[in-house]
Structures are given as C-alpha cells and as structure tokens.
N, C-alpha and C. Protein backbone atom coordinates (compact mmCIF):
# COMPACT_ATOMS: atom_id res chain seq x y z
N MET A 1 -25.27 54.97 12.53
CA MET A 1 -25.54 55.24 14.09
C MET A 1 -26.79 56.03 14.19
N ASN A 2 -27.60 55.59 14.94
CA ASN A 2 -29.01 56.18 15.39
C ASN A 2 -28.85 57.39 16.47
N ILE A 3 -29.81 58.26 16.12
CA ILE A 3 -29.95 59.35 16.98
C ILE A 3 -31.31 59.78 17.44
N SER A 4 -31.38 60.50 18.68
CA SER A 4 -32.61 61.12 18.98
C SER A 4 -32.40 62.60 19.04
N VAL A 5 -33.44 63.26 18.44
CA VAL A 5 -33.31 64.75 18.40
C VAL A 5 -34.55 65.41 19.03
N ASP A 6 -34.44 66.24 19.98
CA ASP A 6 -35.35 66.96 20.49
C ASP A 6 -35.55 68.52 19.91
N LEU A 7 -36.57 68.88 19.52
CA LEU A 7 -36.90 70.12 18.72
C LEU A 7 -38.00 70.89 19.34
N THR A 8 -37.59 72.29 19.59
CA THR A 8 -38.71 73.39 20.18
C THR A 8 -38.52 74.53 19.31
N LEU A 9 -39.60 74.60 18.20
CA LEU A 9 -39.58 75.86 17.22
C LEU A 9 -40.27 76.84 18.01
N SER A 10 -39.96 78.18 17.85
CA SER A 10 -40.39 79.32 18.56
C SER A 10 -40.62 80.22 17.51
N PRO A 11 -41.33 80.50 16.59
CA PRO A 11 -41.21 81.56 15.63
C PRO A 11 -41.81 82.97 16.38
N LEU A 12 -40.98 83.98 16.43
CA LEU A 12 -41.48 85.22 16.91
C LEU A 12 -42.27 86.20 16.23
N GLN A 13 -43.45 85.85 16.04
CA GLN A 13 -44.42 86.55 15.55
C GLN A 13 -45.95 86.02 15.81
N ASP A 14 -46.71 86.94 15.73
CA ASP A 14 -48.07 86.61 16.20
C ASP A 14 -48.65 85.23 15.51
N ASP A 15 -48.66 85.10 14.30
CA ASP A 15 -49.18 83.69 13.67
C ASP A 15 -48.20 82.54 13.96
N TYR A 16 -47.51 82.49 15.10
CA TYR A 16 -46.47 81.48 15.21
C TYR A 16 -47.12 79.95 15.35
N GLU A 17 -48.44 79.95 15.75
CA GLU A 17 -48.85 78.42 15.82
C GLU A 17 -48.96 77.77 14.39
N LYS A 18 -49.42 78.44 13.30
CA LYS A 18 -49.42 77.94 11.97
C LYS A 18 -48.19 77.59 11.60
N HIS A 19 -47.10 78.16 11.78
CA HIS A 19 -45.72 77.77 11.44
C HIS A 19 -45.16 76.65 12.34
N VAL A 20 -45.47 76.45 13.46
CA VAL A 20 -45.19 75.30 14.35
C VAL A 20 -45.85 74.01 13.77
N ILE A 21 -47.04 74.32 13.51
CA ILE A 21 -47.96 73.25 13.18
C ILE A 21 -47.49 72.56 11.80
N ASP A 22 -47.01 73.76 10.90
CA ASP A 22 -46.61 73.06 9.44
C ASP A 22 -45.23 72.53 9.63
N PHE A 23 -44.22 72.79 10.68
CA PHE A 23 -43.18 72.31 10.77
C PHE A 23 -43.47 70.85 11.46
N ILE A 24 -44.16 70.56 12.54
CA ILE A 24 -44.44 69.31 12.99
C ILE A 24 -45.17 68.38 11.83
N LYS A 25 -45.93 68.81 11.17
CA LYS A 25 -46.49 68.10 9.93
C LYS A 25 -45.54 67.61 9.07
N ALA A 26 -44.62 68.38 8.88
CA ALA A 26 -43.49 67.83 7.78
C ALA A 26 -42.84 66.66 8.40
N LEU A 27 -42.43 66.99 9.78
CA LEU A 27 -41.71 65.77 10.49
C LEU A 27 -42.66 64.63 10.53
N ARG A 28 -43.75 64.66 10.83
CA ARG A 28 -44.78 63.51 10.79
C ARG A 28 -44.78 62.70 9.40
N ASP A 29 -44.77 63.68 8.30
CA ASP A 29 -44.83 63.28 6.83
C ASP A 29 -43.51 62.28 6.37
N SER A 30 -42.53 62.35 7.40
CA SER A 30 -41.11 61.76 7.02
C SER A 30 -41.27 60.48 7.26
N GLU A 31 -40.15 59.60 7.00
CA GLU A 31 -39.85 58.11 7.27
C GLU A 31 -39.53 57.92 8.65
N PHE A 32 -39.27 59.00 9.41
CA PHE A 32 -38.83 58.78 10.79
C PHE A 32 -39.82 58.73 11.91
N THR A 33 -39.34 58.11 13.04
CA THR A 33 -40.17 57.99 14.13
C THR A 33 -40.36 59.48 14.65
N VAL A 34 -41.62 59.95 14.93
CA VAL A 34 -41.72 61.27 15.57
C VAL A 34 -42.75 61.13 16.74
N LEU A 35 -42.38 61.69 17.95
CA LEU A 35 -43.26 61.52 19.16
C LEU A 35 -43.31 63.26 19.39
N GLU A 36 -44.34 63.41 20.05
CA GLU A 36 -44.79 64.87 20.57
C GLU A 36 -45.33 65.01 21.89
N ASN A 37 -44.92 66.06 22.54
CA ASN A 37 -45.42 66.52 23.80
C ASN A 37 -45.88 68.03 23.75
N PRO A 38 -46.48 68.46 24.77
CA PRO A 38 -46.85 69.70 24.79
C PRO A 38 -45.65 70.83 24.62
N LEU A 39 -44.28 70.27 24.88
CA LEU A 39 -43.24 71.25 25.11
C LEU A 39 -42.24 71.01 23.80
N SER A 40 -42.14 69.79 23.35
CA SER A 40 -41.25 69.72 22.33
C SER A 40 -41.75 68.46 21.36
N THR A 41 -40.89 68.36 20.24
CA THR A 41 -41.21 67.21 19.35
C THR A 41 -39.61 66.62 19.17
N GLN A 42 -39.94 65.13 19.27
CA GLN A 42 -38.72 64.42 19.13
C GLN A 42 -38.96 63.53 17.85
N ILE A 43 -37.82 63.54 17.22
CA ILE A 43 -37.61 62.45 15.93
C ILE A 43 -36.35 61.87 16.07
N TYR A 44 -36.65 60.63 15.78
CA TYR A 44 -35.44 59.53 15.69
C TYR A 44 -35.33 58.68 14.35
N GLY A 45 -34.09 58.58 14.22
CA GLY A 45 -33.61 57.82 12.97
C GLY A 45 -32.05 57.76 12.89
N ASP A 46 -31.59 57.46 11.55
CA ASP A 46 -30.24 57.33 11.54
C ASP A 46 -29.43 58.71 11.15
N TYR A 47 -28.42 58.89 11.63
CA TYR A 47 -27.79 60.16 11.82
C TYR A 47 -27.64 60.72 10.22
N ASP A 48 -27.11 59.92 9.29
CA ASP A 48 -26.88 60.31 7.83
C ASP A 48 -28.13 60.51 6.98
N LYS A 49 -29.19 60.02 7.64
CA LYS A 49 -30.45 60.36 6.75
C LYS A 49 -31.15 61.38 7.55
N LEU A 50 -31.17 61.48 8.89
CA LEU A 50 -31.99 62.41 9.34
C LEU A 50 -31.61 63.71 9.40
N MET A 51 -30.26 64.04 9.87
CA MET A 51 -29.57 65.26 9.65
C MET A 51 -29.89 66.22 8.38
N PRO A 52 -29.63 65.51 7.22
CA PRO A 52 -29.95 66.31 5.97
C PRO A 52 -31.35 66.77 5.92
N PHE A 53 -32.30 65.63 6.29
CA PHE A 53 -33.77 66.10 6.31
C PHE A 53 -34.15 67.21 7.21
N LEU A 54 -33.40 67.17 8.45
CA LEU A 54 -33.77 68.40 9.46
C LEU A 54 -33.15 69.64 8.82
N ASN A 55 -31.95 69.41 8.31
CA ASN A 55 -31.34 70.75 7.73
C ASN A 55 -32.39 71.42 6.58
N LYS A 56 -32.89 70.39 6.00
CA LYS A 56 -33.82 71.04 4.86
C LYS A 56 -35.19 71.54 5.24
N GLU A 57 -35.67 70.91 6.31
CA GLU A 57 -36.98 71.29 7.08
C GLU A 57 -36.87 72.53 7.95
N ILE A 58 -35.65 72.77 8.70
CA ILE A 58 -35.38 73.84 9.45
C ILE A 58 -35.12 75.04 8.36
N LYS A 59 -34.63 74.91 7.38
CA LYS A 59 -34.46 76.05 6.35
C LYS A 59 -35.70 76.28 5.72
N ARG A 60 -36.59 75.39 5.45
CA ARG A 60 -37.70 75.73 4.94
C ARG A 60 -38.93 76.67 6.00
N SER A 61 -38.57 76.06 7.23
CA SER A 61 -39.42 76.89 8.22
C SER A 61 -38.94 78.17 8.53
N PHE A 62 -37.46 78.35 8.57
CA PHE A 62 -36.99 79.80 8.73
C PHE A 62 -37.26 80.77 7.57
N GLU A 63 -37.49 80.16 6.33
CA GLU A 63 -37.73 81.04 5.26
C GLU A 63 -38.93 81.31 5.17
N ALA A 64 -39.92 80.71 6.06
CA ALA A 64 -41.43 81.24 6.04
C ALA A 64 -41.59 82.26 7.16
N VAL A 65 -40.60 82.43 8.12
CA VAL A 65 -41.10 83.47 8.96
C VAL A 65 -40.03 84.60 8.93
N GLY A 66 -40.37 85.54 9.72
CA GLY A 66 -39.47 86.77 9.83
C GLY A 66 -38.14 86.39 10.74
N ILE A 67 -38.44 86.17 12.00
CA ILE A 67 -37.53 85.52 13.11
C ILE A 67 -37.99 84.32 13.70
N SER A 68 -37.33 83.54 13.95
CA SER A 68 -37.48 82.11 14.50
C SER A 68 -36.46 81.55 15.23
N VAL A 69 -36.75 80.97 16.49
CA VAL A 69 -35.64 80.28 17.40
C VAL A 69 -35.99 78.71 17.26
N LEU A 70 -34.97 77.97 17.05
CA LEU A 70 -35.11 76.51 17.15
C LEU A 70 -34.23 76.10 18.30
N THR A 71 -34.60 75.48 19.26
CA THR A 71 -33.77 74.65 20.25
C THR A 71 -33.76 73.42 19.98
N MET A 72 -32.38 72.80 19.69
CA MET A 72 -32.36 71.26 19.41
C MET A 72 -31.23 70.56 20.17
N LYS A 73 -31.70 69.41 20.64
CA LYS A 73 -30.77 68.46 21.49
C LYS A 73 -30.64 67.26 20.64
N VAL A 74 -29.41 66.65 20.56
CA VAL A 74 -29.06 65.50 19.93
C VAL A 74 -28.48 64.56 20.76
N VAL A 75 -29.04 63.25 20.83
CA VAL A 75 -28.46 62.32 21.71
C VAL A 75 -27.88 61.25 20.65
N LYS A 76 -26.78 60.61 20.87
CA LYS A 76 -26.28 59.71 20.08
C LYS A 76 -26.81 58.29 20.72
N THR A 77 -28.17 58.11 20.35
CA THR A 77 -28.70 56.68 20.52
C THR A 77 -30.25 57.11 20.38
N ASP A 78 -30.75 55.89 19.89
CA ASP A 78 -32.34 55.96 19.68
C ASP A 78 -33.19 55.71 21.11
N ARG A 79 -33.61 56.75 21.56
CA ARG A 79 -34.41 56.65 22.71
C ARG A 79 -36.02 56.57 22.53
N SER A 80 -36.40 56.51 21.41
CA SER A 80 -38.05 56.31 21.08
C SER A 80 -38.68 55.50 21.94
N ASP A 81 -38.11 54.29 22.43
CA ASP A 81 -38.74 53.36 23.06
C ASP A 81 -38.70 53.39 24.82
N TYR A 82 -38.23 54.73 25.10
CA TYR A 82 -37.82 55.07 26.32
C TYR A 82 -39.28 55.03 27.39
N GLU A 83 -39.08 54.38 28.37
CA GLU A 83 -40.18 54.36 29.39
C GLU A 83 -39.71 54.35 30.81
N PRO A 84 -40.20 55.46 31.46
CA PRO A 84 -39.80 55.52 32.89
C PRO A 84 -39.96 54.24 33.62
N HIS A 85 -38.75 54.07 34.61
CA HIS A 85 -38.67 52.82 35.25
C HIS A 85 -38.90 53.15 36.89
N PHE A 86 -39.33 54.25 37.37
CA PHE A 86 -39.70 54.68 38.67
C PHE A 86 -41.20 55.16 38.72
C-alpha cells in the first residue's frame, strides 16, 4: 500500500535551521520520492518500507535536539503526481 506523508519539523531552539536541514537531507538521501515547499516536506512510498524509515529518522532528529515538534499527516495513497485542475 502506498502512502503520502506530510512532515513539518519544528525544533524549539535557536539553531533550529540546522536541524531542519539535516532532517530534510536524510529524507532526500532515501529511496523515497521527496517533495518540498516552504511550509513542509512530503515523502511518498510503500507503507511497510516508509514508516520504519521515518521512525528511525524522526528518532535520530529528536535525539539531536532538546525539544522538537513534528507534525505529520499520512494519506493512504500516493499523491506525488498531484497537479491542481483549477
């Protein structure tokens, strides 16, 4: 089953930008399709492969900061090819 995951990482510290960049680079280096915009990052792939990968990367990111918030939305379909029709 393919899924689409929308992620927004918000480390609550002064050097937040470095941690966000490190997280996005880890996503980019994966086997999954990754799309970015100014507000969030989307990653697409097979549920059984993507969720363990995200679990590992989220934990790694959380361990690197004092306090961090991650907002995640998961959709049960691959929306990587979405184009507005209006």
